[in-house]
Amino acid sequence: DRFGPRRVEAALLLVAASGCTLFGLGTTIGVLALARALI
């Protein structure tokens, strides 16, 4: 409602991309859970 859908979703998708990258690199359950939360 405050900033509009275009900017909010674009910014959040970059957070999801970082989560996917971390998931692909993760080797422990804790790291993978954090990555999954970021996604």
PDB file of all heavy atoms in Angstrom:
ATOM      1  N   ASP A   1       0.815  -1.210   0.000  1.00  0.00           N
ATOM      2  CA  ASP A   1       0.000   0.000   0.000  1.00  0.00           C
ATOM      3  C   ASP A   1       0.852   1.267   0.000  1.00  0.00           C
ATOM      4  O   ASP A   1       0.450   2.298  -0.532  1.00  0.00           O
ATOM      5  CB  ASP A   1      -0.919   0.000   1.226  1.00  0.00           C
ATOM      6  CG  ASP A   1      -2.063  -0.996   1.083  1.00  0.00           C
ATOM      7  OD1 ASP A   1      -2.357  -1.394  -0.050  1.00  0.00           O
ATOM      8  OD2 ASP A   1      -2.640  -1.378   2.119  1.00  0.00           O
ATOM      9  N   ARG A   2       2.030   1.180   0.586  1.00  0.00           N
ATOM     10  CA  ARG A   2       2.863   2.375   0.730  1.00  0.00           C
ATOM     11  C   ARG A   2       3.780   2.606  -0.473  1.00  0.00           C
ATOM     12  O   ARG A   2       3.921   3.738  -0.949  1.00  0.00           O
ATOM     13  CB  ARG A   2       3.695   2.270   2.006  1.00  0.00           C
ATOM     14  CG  ARG A   2       4.574   3.491   2.303  1.00  0.00           C
ATOM     15  CD  ARG A   2       5.290   3.329   3.632  1.00  0.00           C
ATOM     16  NE  ARG A   2       4.351   3.426   4.751  1.00  0.00           N
ATOM     17  CZ  ARG A   2       4.181   4.525   5.485  1.00  0.00           C
ATOM     18  NH1 ARG A   2       4.871   5.617   5.217  1.00  0.00           N
ATOM     19  NH2 ARG A   2       3.320   4.539   6.478  1.00  0.00           N
ATOM     20  N   PHE A   3       4.413   1.546  -0.973  1.00  0.00           N
ATOM     21  CA  PHE A   3       5.447   1.715  -2.013  1.00  0.00           C
ATOM     22  C   PHE A   3       5.048   1.168  -3.377  1.00  0.00           C
ATOM     23  O   PHE A   3       5.752   1.391  -4.358  1.00  0.00           O
ATOM     24  CB  PHE A   3       6.754   1.044  -1.577  1.00  0.00           C
ATOM     25  CG  PHE A   3       7.337   1.623  -0.315  1.00  0.00           C
ATOM     26  CD1 PHE A   3       7.296   0.914   0.874  1.00  0.00           C
ATOM     27  CD2 PHE A   3       7.904   2.885  -0.311  1.00  0.00           C
ATOM     28  CE1 PHE A   3       7.826   1.442   2.040  1.00  0.00           C
ATOM     29  CE2 PHE A   3       8.430   3.425   0.851  1.00  0.00           C
ATOM     30  CZ  PHE A   3       8.385   2.706   2.033  1.00  0.00           C
ATOM     31  N   GLY A   4       3.961   0.420  -3.460  1.00  0.00           N
ATOM     32  CA  GLY A   4       3.529  -0.120  -4.738  1.00  0.00           C
ATOM     33  C   GLY A   4       4.103  -1.495  -5.010  1.00  0.00           C
ATOM     34  O   GLY A   4       5.159  -1.867  -4.482  1.00  0.00           O
ATOM     35  N   PRO A   5       3.439  -2.292  -5.855  1.00  0.00           N
ATOM     36  CA  PRO A   5       3.829  -3.688  -6.054  1.00  0.00           C
ATOM     37  C   PRO A   5       5.109  -3.883  -6.845  1.00  0.00           C
ATOM     38  O   PRO A   5       5.862  -4.835  -6.592  1.00  0.00           O
ATOM     39  CB  PRO A   5       2.632  -4.270  -6.807  1.00  0.00           C
ATOM     40  CG  PRO A   5       2.012  -3.099  -7.502  1.00  0.00           C
ATOM     41  CD  PRO A   5       2.207  -1.935  -6.576  1.00  0.00           C
ATOM     42  N   ARG A   6       5.386  -3.016  -7.813  1.00  0.00           N
ATOM     43  CA  ARG A   6       6.540  -3.239  -8.684  1.00  0.00           C
ATOM     44  C   ARG A   6       7.837  -3.231  -7.905  1.00  0.00           C
ATOM     45  O   ARG A   6       8.646  -4.170  -7.981  1.00  0.00           O
ATOM     46  CB  ARG A   6       6.577  -2.158  -9.778  1.00  0.00           C
ATOM     47  CG  ARG A   6       7.685  -2.348 -10.791  1.00  0.00           C
ATOM     48  CD  ARG A   6       7.769  -1.144 -11.707  1.00  0.00           C
ATOM     49  NE  ARG A   6       8.245   0.037 -10.996  1.00  0.00           N
ATOM     50  CZ  ARG A   6       9.074   0.938 -11.513  1.00  0.00           C
ATOM     51  NH1 ARG A   6       9.512   0.791 -12.745  1.00  0.00           N
ATOM     52  NH2 ARG A   6       9.450   1.982 -10.814  1.00  0.00           N
ATOM     53  N   ARG A   7       8.064  -2.182  -7.110  1.00  0.00           N
ATOM     54  CA  ARG A   7       9.326  -2.071  -6.375  1.00  0.00           C
ATOM     55  C   ARG A   7       9.426  -3.091  -5.250  1.00  0.00           C
ATOM     56  O   ARG A   7      10.507  -3.664  -5.010  1.00  0.00           O
ATOM     57  CB  ARG A   7       9.469  -0.651  -5.815  1.00  0.00           C
ATOM     58  CG  ARG A   7       9.796   0.395  -6.876  1.00  0.00           C
ATOM     59  CD  ARG A   7       9.950   1.778  -6.257  1.00  0.00           C
ATOM     60  NE  ARG A   7       8.661   2.314  -5.817  1.00  0.00           N
ATOM     61  CZ  ARG A   7       8.520   3.467  -5.177  1.00  0.00           C
ATOM     62  NH1 ARG A   7       9.590   4.185  -4.872  1.00  0.00           N
ATOM     63  NH2 ARG A   7       7.322   3.910  -4.841  1.00  0.00           N
ATOM     64  N   VAL A   8       8.304  -3.352  -4.578  1.00  0.00           N
ATOM     65  CA  VAL A   8       8.336  -4.286  -3.452  1.00  0.00           C
ATOM     66  C   VAL A   8       8.665  -5.692  -3.937  1.00  0.00           C
ATOM     67  O   VAL A   8       9.550  -6.375  -3.388  1.00  0.00           O
ATOM     68  CB  VAL A   8       6.995  -4.273  -2.703  1.00  0.00           C
ATOM     69  CG1 VAL A   8       6.927  -5.403  -1.676  1.00  0.00           C
ATOM     70  CG2 VAL A   8       6.787  -2.932  -2.007  1.00  0.00           C
ATOM     71  N   GLU A   9       7.998  -6.155  -4.982  1.00  0.00           N
ATOM     72  CA  GLU A   9       8.260  -7.518  -5.450  1.00  0.00           C
ATOM     73  C   GLU A   9       9.652  -7.653  -6.059  1.00  0.00           C
ATOM     74  O   GLU A   9      10.342  -8.656  -5.834  1.00  0.00           O
ATOM     75  CB  GLU A   9       7.206  -7.960  -6.464  1.00  0.00           C
ATOM     76  CG  GLU A   9       7.435  -9.408  -6.894  1.00  0.00           C
ATOM     77  CD  GLU A   9       6.350  -9.957  -7.792  1.00  0.00           C
ATOM     78  OE1 GLU A   9       5.276  -9.338  -7.901  1.00  0.00           O
ATOM     79  OE2 GLU A   9       6.581 -11.013  -8.397  1.00  0.00           O
ATOM     80  N   ALA A  10      10.080  -6.667  -6.827  1.00  0.00           N
ATOM     81  CA  ALA A  10      11.422  -6.752  -7.430  1.00  0.00           C
ATOM     82  C   ALA A  10      12.502  -6.864  -6.359  1.00  0.00           C
ATOM     83  O   ALA A  10      13.427  -7.675  -6.471  1.00  0.00           O
ATOM     84  CB  ALA A  10      11.668  -5.535  -8.317  1.00  0.00           C
ATOM     85  N   ALA A  11      12.398  -6.064  -5.287  1.00  0.00           N
ATOM     86  CA  ALA A  11      13.385  -6.124  -4.215  1.00  0.00           C
ATOM     87  C   ALA A  11      13.350  -7.469  -3.510  1.00  0.00           C
ATOM     88  O   ALA A  11      14.398  -8.070  -3.210  1.00  0.00           O
ATOM     89  CB  ALA A  11      13.138  -4.987  -3.217  1.00  0.00           C
ATOM     90  N   LEU A  12      12.160  -7.976  -3.260  1.00  0.00           N
ATOM     91  CA  LEU A  12      12.048  -9.251  -2.549  1.00  0.00           C
ATOM     92  C   LEU A  12      12.538 -10.421  -3.391  1.00  0.00           C
ATOM     93  O   LEU A  12      13.089 -11.396  -2.853  1.00  0.00           O
ATOM     94  CB  LEU A  12      10.600  -9.476  -2.119  1.00  0.00           C
ATOM     95  CG  LEU A  12      10.114  -8.606  -0.956  1.00  0.00           C
ATOM     96  CD1 LEU A  12       8.626  -8.803  -0.719  1.00  0.00           C
ATOM     97  CD2 LEU A  12      10.897  -8.922   0.314  1.00  0.00           C
ATOM     98  N   LEU A  13      12.364 -10.364  -4.714  1.00  0.00           N
ATOM     99  CA  LEU A  13      12.861 -11.449  -5.557  1.00  0.00           C
ATOM    100  C   LEU A  13      14.383 -11.572  -5.490  1.00  0.00           C
ATOM    101  O   LEU A  13      14.934 -12.668  -5.621  1.00  0.00           O
ATOM    102  CB  LEU A  13      12.406 -11.246  -7.000  1.00  0.00           C
ATOM    103  CG  LEU A  13      10.931 -11.520  -7.277  1.00  0.00           C
ATOM    104  CD1 LEU A  13      10.608 -11.302  -8.751  1.00  0.00           C
ATOM    105  CD2 LEU A  13      10.530 -12.931  -6.863  1.00  0.00           C
ATOM    106  N   LEU A  14      15.073 -10.462  -5.262  1.00  0.00           N
ATOM    107  CA  LEU A  14      16.529 -10.537  -5.087  1.00  0.00           C
ATOM    108  C   LEU A  14      16.881 -11.247  -3.779  1.00  0.00           C
ATOM    109  O   LEU A  14      17.898 -11.947  -3.698  1.00  0.00           O
ATOM    110  CB  LEU A  14      17.128  -9.133  -5.115  1.00  0.00           C
ATOM    111  CG  LEU A  14      16.987  -8.374  -6.444  1.00  0.00           C
ATOM    112  CD1 LEU A  14      17.616  -6.981  -6.330  1.00  0.00           C
ATOM    113  CD2 LEU A  14      17.631  -9.163  -7.588  1.00  0.00           C
ATOM    114  N   VAL A  15      16.044 -11.062  -2.763  1.00  0.00           N
ATOM    115  CA  VAL A  15      16.233 -11.814  -1.518  1.00  0.00           C
ATOM    116  C   VAL A  15      16.055 -13.309  -1.785  1.00  0.00           C
ATOM    117  O   VAL A  15      16.829 -14.153  -1.295  1.00  0.00           O
ATOM    118  CB  VAL A  15      15.244 -11.333  -0.438  1.00  0.00           C
ATOM    119  CG1 VAL A  15      15.353 -12.185   0.822  1.00  0.00           C
ATOM    120  CG2 VAL A  15      15.479  -9.867  -0.113  1.00  0.00           C
ATOM    121  N   ALA A  16      15.041 -13.670  -2.569  1.00  0.00           N
ATOM    122  CA  ALA A  16      14.817 -15.071  -2.918  1.00  0.00           C
ATOM    123  C   ALA A  16      15.988 -15.641  -3.705  1.00  0.00           C
ATOM    124  O   ALA A  16      16.386 -16.802  -3.499  1.00  0.00           O
ATOM    125  CB  ALA A  16      13.528 -15.206  -3.722  1.00  0.00           C
ATOM    126  N   ALA A  17      16.568 -14.840  -4.606  1.00  0.00           N
ATOM    127  CA  ALA A  17      17.725 -15.305  -5.374  1.00  0.00           C
ATOM    128  C   ALA A  17      18.905 -15.597  -4.463  1.00  0.00           C
ATOM    129  O   ALA A  17      19.621 -16.595  -4.648  1.00  0.00           O
ATOM    130  CB  ALA A  17      18.107 -14.256  -6.426  1.00  0.00           C
ATOM    131  N   SER A  18      19.117 -14.751  -3.456  1.00  0.00           N
ATOM    132  CA  SER A  18      20.204 -15.016  -2.507  1.00  0.00           C
ATOM    133  C   SER A  18      19.928 -16.287  -1.721  1.00  0.00           C
ATOM    134  O   SER A  18      20.841 -17.064  -1.423  1.00  0.00           O
ATOM    135  CB  SER A  18      20.383 -13.822  -1.559  1.00  0.00           C
ATOM    136  OG  SER A  18      19.268 -13.688  -0.691  1.00  0.00           O
ATOM    137  N   GLY A  19      18.652 -16.536  -1.383  1.00  0.00           N
ATOM    138  CA  GLY A  19      18.307 -17.765  -0.687  1.00  0.00           C
ATOM    139  C   GLY A  19      18.555 -18.997  -1.531  1.00  0.00           C
ATOM    140  O   GLY A  19      19.064 -20.011  -1.034  1.00  0.00           O
ATOM    141  N   CYS A  20      18.223 -18.940  -2.823  1.00  0.00           N
ATOM    142  CA  CYS A  20      18.492 -20.079  -3.715  1.00  0.00           C
ATOM    143  C   CYS A  20      19.985 -20.341  -3.833  1.00  0.00           C
ATOM    144  O   CYS A  20      20.438 -21.502  -3.839  1.00  0.00           O
ATOM    145  CB  CYS A  20      17.884 -19.819  -5.092  1.00  0.00           C
ATOM    146  SG  CYS A  20      16.099 -20.004  -5.172  1.00  0.00           S
ATOM    147  N   THR A  21      20.770 -19.284  -3.936  1.00  0.00           N
ATOM    148  CA  THR A  21      22.224 -19.449  -4.022  1.00  0.00           C
ATOM    149  C   THR A  21      22.771 -20.092  -2.754  1.00  0.00           C
ATOM    150  O   THR A  21      23.597 -21.023  -2.808  1.00  0.00           O
ATOM    151  CB  THR A  21      22.892 -18.086  -4.248  1.00  0.00           C
ATOM    152  OG1 THR A  21      22.379 -17.496  -5.440  1.00  0.00           O
ATOM    153  CG2 THR A  21      24.400 -18.238  -4.369  1.00  0.00           C
ATOM    154  N   LEU A  22      22.302 -19.617  -1.599  1.00  0.00           N
ATOM    155  CA  LEU A  22      22.757 -20.186  -0.330  1.00  0.00           C
ATOM    156  C   LEU A  22      22.323 -21.639  -0.199  1.00  0.00           C
ATOM    157  O   LEU A  22      23.090 -22.476   0.310  1.00  0.00           O
ATOM    158  CB  LEU A  22      22.198 -19.356   0.830  1.00  0.00           C
ATOM    159  CG  LEU A  22      22.634 -19.774   2.245  1.00  0.00           C
ATOM    160  CD1 LEU A  22      24.146 -19.674   2.389  1.00  0.00           C
ATOM    161  CD2 LEU A  22      21.933 -18.916   3.295  1.00  0.00           C
ATOM    162  N   PHE A  23      21.124 -21.979  -0.662  1.00  0.00           N
ATOM    163  CA  PHE A  23      20.657 -23.364  -0.595  1.00  0.00           C
ATOM    164  C   PHE A  23      21.536 -24.264  -1.458  1.00  0.00           C
ATOM    165  O   PHE A  23      21.858 -25.401  -1.067  1.00  0.00           O
ATOM    166  CB  PHE A  23      19.201 -23.448  -1.057  1.00  0.00           C
ATOM    167  CG  PHE A  23      18.484 -24.695  -0.619  1.00  0.00           C
ATOM    168  CD1 PHE A  23      17.712 -24.690   0.531  1.00  0.00           C
ATOM    169  CD2 PHE A  23      18.576 -25.868  -1.341  1.00  0.00           C
ATOM    170  CE1 PHE A  23      17.043 -25.832   0.950  1.00  0.00           C
ATOM    171  CE2 PHE A  23      17.918 -27.020  -0.942  1.00  0.00           C
ATOM    172  CZ  PHE A  23      17.152 -27.001   0.213  1.00  0.00           C
ATOM    173  N   GLY A  24      21.921 -23.769  -2.621  1.00  0.00           N
ATOM    174  CA  GLY A  24      22.777 -24.562  -3.488  1.00  0.00           C
ATOM    175  C   GLY A  24      24.164 -24.785  -2.916  1.00  0.00           C
ATOM    176  O   GLY A  24      24.825 -25.767  -3.242  1.00  0.00           O
ATOM    177  N   LEU A  25      24.609 -23.869  -2.039  1.00  0.00           N
ATOM    178  CA  LEU A  25      25.942 -23.981  -1.441  1.00  0.00           C
ATOM    179  C   LEU A  25      25.923 -24.667  -0.077  1.00  0.00           C
ATOM    180  O   LEU A  25      26.969 -25.116   0.400  1.00  0.00           O
ATOM    181  CB  LEU A  25      26.550 -22.583  -1.272  1.00  0.00           C
ATOM    182  CG  LEU A  25      26.823 -21.792  -2.552  1.00  0.00           C
ATOM    183  CD1 LEU A  25      27.253 -20.368  -2.202  1.00  0.00           C
ATOM    184  CD2 LEU A  25      27.897 -22.479  -3.399  1.00  0.00           C
ATOM    185  N   GLY A  26      24.771 -24.748   0.571  1.00  0.00           N
ATOM    186  CA  GLY A  26      24.680 -25.205   1.949  1.00  0.00           C
ATOM    187  C   GLY A  26      25.047 -26.669   2.131  1.00  0.00           C
ATOM    188  O   GLY A  26      24.779 -27.507   1.259  1.00  0.00           O
ATOM    189  N   THR A  27      25.619 -26.965   3.293  1.00  0.00           N
ATOM    190  CA  THR A  27      26.023 -28.344   3.614  1.00  0.00           C
ATOM    191  C   THR A  27      25.469 -28.800   4.959  1.00  0.00           C
ATOM    192  O   THR A  27      25.691 -29.945   5.344  1.00  0.00           O
ATOM    193  CB  THR A  27      27.549 -28.473   3.629  1.00  0.00           C
ATOM    194  OG1 THR A  27      28.098 -27.536   4.570  1.00  0.00           O
ATOM    195  CG2 THR A  27      28.136 -28.207   2.239  1.00  0.00           C
ATOM    196  N   THR A  28      24.786 -27.926   5.690  1.00  0.00           N
ATOM    197  CA  THR A  28      24.212 -28.298   6.976  1.00  0.00           C
ATOM    198  C   THR A  28      22.729 -27.949   6.987  1.00  0.00           C
ATOM    199  O   THR A  28      22.269 -27.088   6.224  1.00  0.00           O
ATOM    200  CB  THR A  28      24.909 -27.568   8.146  1.00  0.00           C
ATOM    201  OG1 THR A  28      24.643 -26.159   8.045  1.00  0.00           O
ATOM    202  CG2 THR A  28      26.411 -27.811   8.116  1.00  0.00           C
ATOM    203  N   ILE A  29      21.996 -28.608   7.884  1.00  0.00           N
ATOM    204  CA  ILE A  29      20.564 -28.355   7.964  1.00  0.00           C
ATOM    205  C   ILE A  29      20.294 -26.906   8.347  1.00  0.00           C
ATOM    206  O   ILE A  29      19.366 -26.264   7.831  1.00  0.00           O
ATOM    207  CB  ILE A  29      19.909 -29.319   8.973  1.00  0.00           C
ATOM    208  CG1 ILE A  29      20.012 -30.760   8.474  1.00  0.00           C
ATOM    209  CG2 ILE A  29      18.453 -28.941   9.212  1.00  0.00           C
ATOM    210  CD1 ILE A  29      19.435 -31.784   9.428  1.00  0.00           C
ATOM    211  N   GLY A  30      21.097 -26.339   9.254  1.00  0.00           N
ATOM    212  CA  GLY A  30      20.890 -24.964   9.681  1.00  0.00           C
ATOM    213  C   GLY A  30      21.024 -23.978   8.536  1.00  0.00           C
ATOM    214  O   GLY A  30      20.199 -23.068   8.381  1.00  0.00           O
ATOM    215  N   VAL A  31      22.064 -24.142   7.727  1.00  0.00           N
ATOM    216  CA  VAL A  31      22.273 -23.246   6.596  1.00  0.00           C
ATOM    217  C   VAL A  31      21.154 -23.406   5.573  1.00  0.00           C
ATOM    218  O   VAL A  31      20.624 -22.420   5.030  1.00  0.00           O
ATOM    219  CB  VAL A  31      23.650 -23.506   5.954  1.00  0.00           C
ATOM    220  CG1 VAL A  31      23.794 -22.730   4.645  1.00  0.00           C
ATOM    221  CG2 VAL A  31      24.766 -23.123   6.917  1.00  0.00           C
ATOM    222  N   LEU A  32      20.779 -24.650   5.299  1.00  0.00           N
ATOM    223  CA  LEU A  32      19.720 -24.889   4.326  1.00  0.00           C
ATOM    224  C   LEU A  32      18.380 -24.346   4.815  1.00  0.00           C
ATOM    225  O   LEU A  32      17.588 -23.824   4.022  1.00  0.00           O
ATOM    226  CB  LEU A  32      19.602 -26.384   4.034  1.00  0.00           C
ATOM    227  CG  LEU A  32      20.799 -27.013   3.296  1.00  0.00           C
ATOM    228  CD1 LEU A  32      20.608 -28.508   3.152  1.00  0.00           C
ATOM    229  CD2 LEU A  32      20.992 -26.375   1.923  1.00  0.00           C
ATOM    230  N   ALA A  33      18.109 -24.445   6.114  1.00  0.00           N
ATOM    231  CA  ALA A  33      16.865 -23.893   6.653  1.00  0.00           C
ATOM    232  C   ALA A  33      16.849 -22.375   6.530  1.00  0.00           C
ATOM    233  O   ALA A  33      15.820 -21.776   6.192  1.00  0.00           O
ATOM    234  CB  ALA A  33      16.693 -24.317   8.113  1.00  0.00           C
ATOM    235  N   LEU A  34      17.983 -21.731   6.809  1.00  0.00           N
ATOM    236  CA  LEU A  34      18.076 -20.283   6.631  1.00  0.00           C
ATOM    237  C   LEU A  34      17.852 -19.900   5.175  1.00  0.00           C
ATOM    238  O   LEU A  34      17.133 -18.940   4.861  1.00  0.00           O
ATOM    239  CB  LEU A  34      19.435 -19.784   7.111  1.00  0.00           C
ATOM    240  CG  LEU A  34      19.749 -18.305   6.842  1.00  0.00           C
ATOM    241  CD1 LEU A  34      18.739 -17.403   7.549  1.00  0.00           C
ATOM    242  CD2 LEU A  34      21.180 -17.975   7.277  1.00  0.00           C
ATOM    243  N   ALA A  35      18.459 -20.654   4.272  1.00  0.00           N
ATOM    244  CA  ALA A  35      18.291 -20.382   2.847  1.00  0.00           C
ATOM    245  C   ALA A  35      16.841 -20.540   2.428  1.00  0.00           C
ATOM    246  O   ALA A  35      16.291 -19.736   1.669  1.00  0.00           O
ATOM    247  CB  ALA A  35      19.186 -21.310   2.031  1.00  0.00           C
ATOM    248  N   ARG A  36      16.213 -21.596   2.948  1.00  0.00           N
ATOM    249  CA  ARG A  36      14.813 -21.838   2.616  1.00  0.00           C
ATOM    250  C   ARG A  36      13.922 -20.701   3.138  1.00  0.00           C
ATOM    251  O   ARG A  36      12.960 -20.291   2.482  1.00  0.00           O
ATOM    252  CB  ARG A  36      14.398 -23.173   3.225  1.00  0.00           C
ATOM    253  CG  ARG A  36      13.033 -23.672   2.821  1.00  0.00           C
ATOM    254  CD  ARG A  36      13.022 -24.272   1.458  1.00  0.00           C
ATOM    255  NE  ARG A  36      11.688 -24.785   1.144  1.00  0.00           N
ATOM    256  CZ  ARG A  36      11.228 -24.971  -0.068  1.00  0.00           C
ATOM    257  NH1 ARG A  36      11.984 -24.680  -1.114  1.00  0.00           N
ATOM    258  NH2 ARG A  36      10.028 -25.447  -0.281  1.00  0.00           N
ATOM    259  N   ALA A  37      14.246 -20.177   4.311  1.00  0.00           N
ATOM    260  CA  ALA A  37      13.486 -19.047   4.859  1.00  0.00           C
ATOM    261  C   ALA A  37      13.656 -17.805   3.987  1.00  0.00           C
ATOM    262  O   ALA A  37      12.688 -17.055   3.755  1.00  0.00           O
ATOM    263  CB  ALA A  37      13.926 -18.767   6.288  1.00  0.00           C
ATOM    264  N   LEU A  38      14.862 -17.560   3.505  1.00  0.00           N
ATOM    265  CA  LEU A  38      15.096 -16.419   2.617  1.00  0.00           C
ATOM    266  C   LEU A  38      14.293 -16.555   1.324  1.00  0.00           C
ATOM    267  O   LEU A  38      13.767 -15.569   0.796  1.00  0.00           O
ATOM    268  CB  LEU A  38      16.587 -16.290   2.306  1.00  0.00           C
ATOM    269  CG  LEU A  38      17.477 -15.801   3.445  1.00  0.00           C
ATOM    270  CD1 LEU A  38      18.951 -15.888   3.037  1.00  0.00           C
ATOM    271  CD2 LEU A  38      17.113 -14.368   3.842  1.00  0.00           C
ATOM    272  N   ILE A  39      14.206 -17.783   0.815  1.00  0.00           N
ATOM    273  CA  ILE A  39      13.415 -18.005  -0.394  1.00  0.00           C
ATOM    274  C   ILE A  39      11.950 -17.682  -0.122  1.00  0.00           C
ATOM    275  O   ILE A  39      11.283 -16.990  -0.899  1.00  0.00           O
ATOM    276  CB  ILE A  39      13.574 -19.461  -0.885  1.00  0.00           C
ATOM    277  CG1 ILE A  39      15.006 -19.732  -1.323  1.00  0.00           C
ATOM    278  CG2 ILE A  39      12.610 -19.731  -2.042  1.00  0.00           C
ATOM    279  CD1 ILE A  39      15.293 -21.198  -1.618  1.00  0.00           C
TER     280      ILE A  39
END
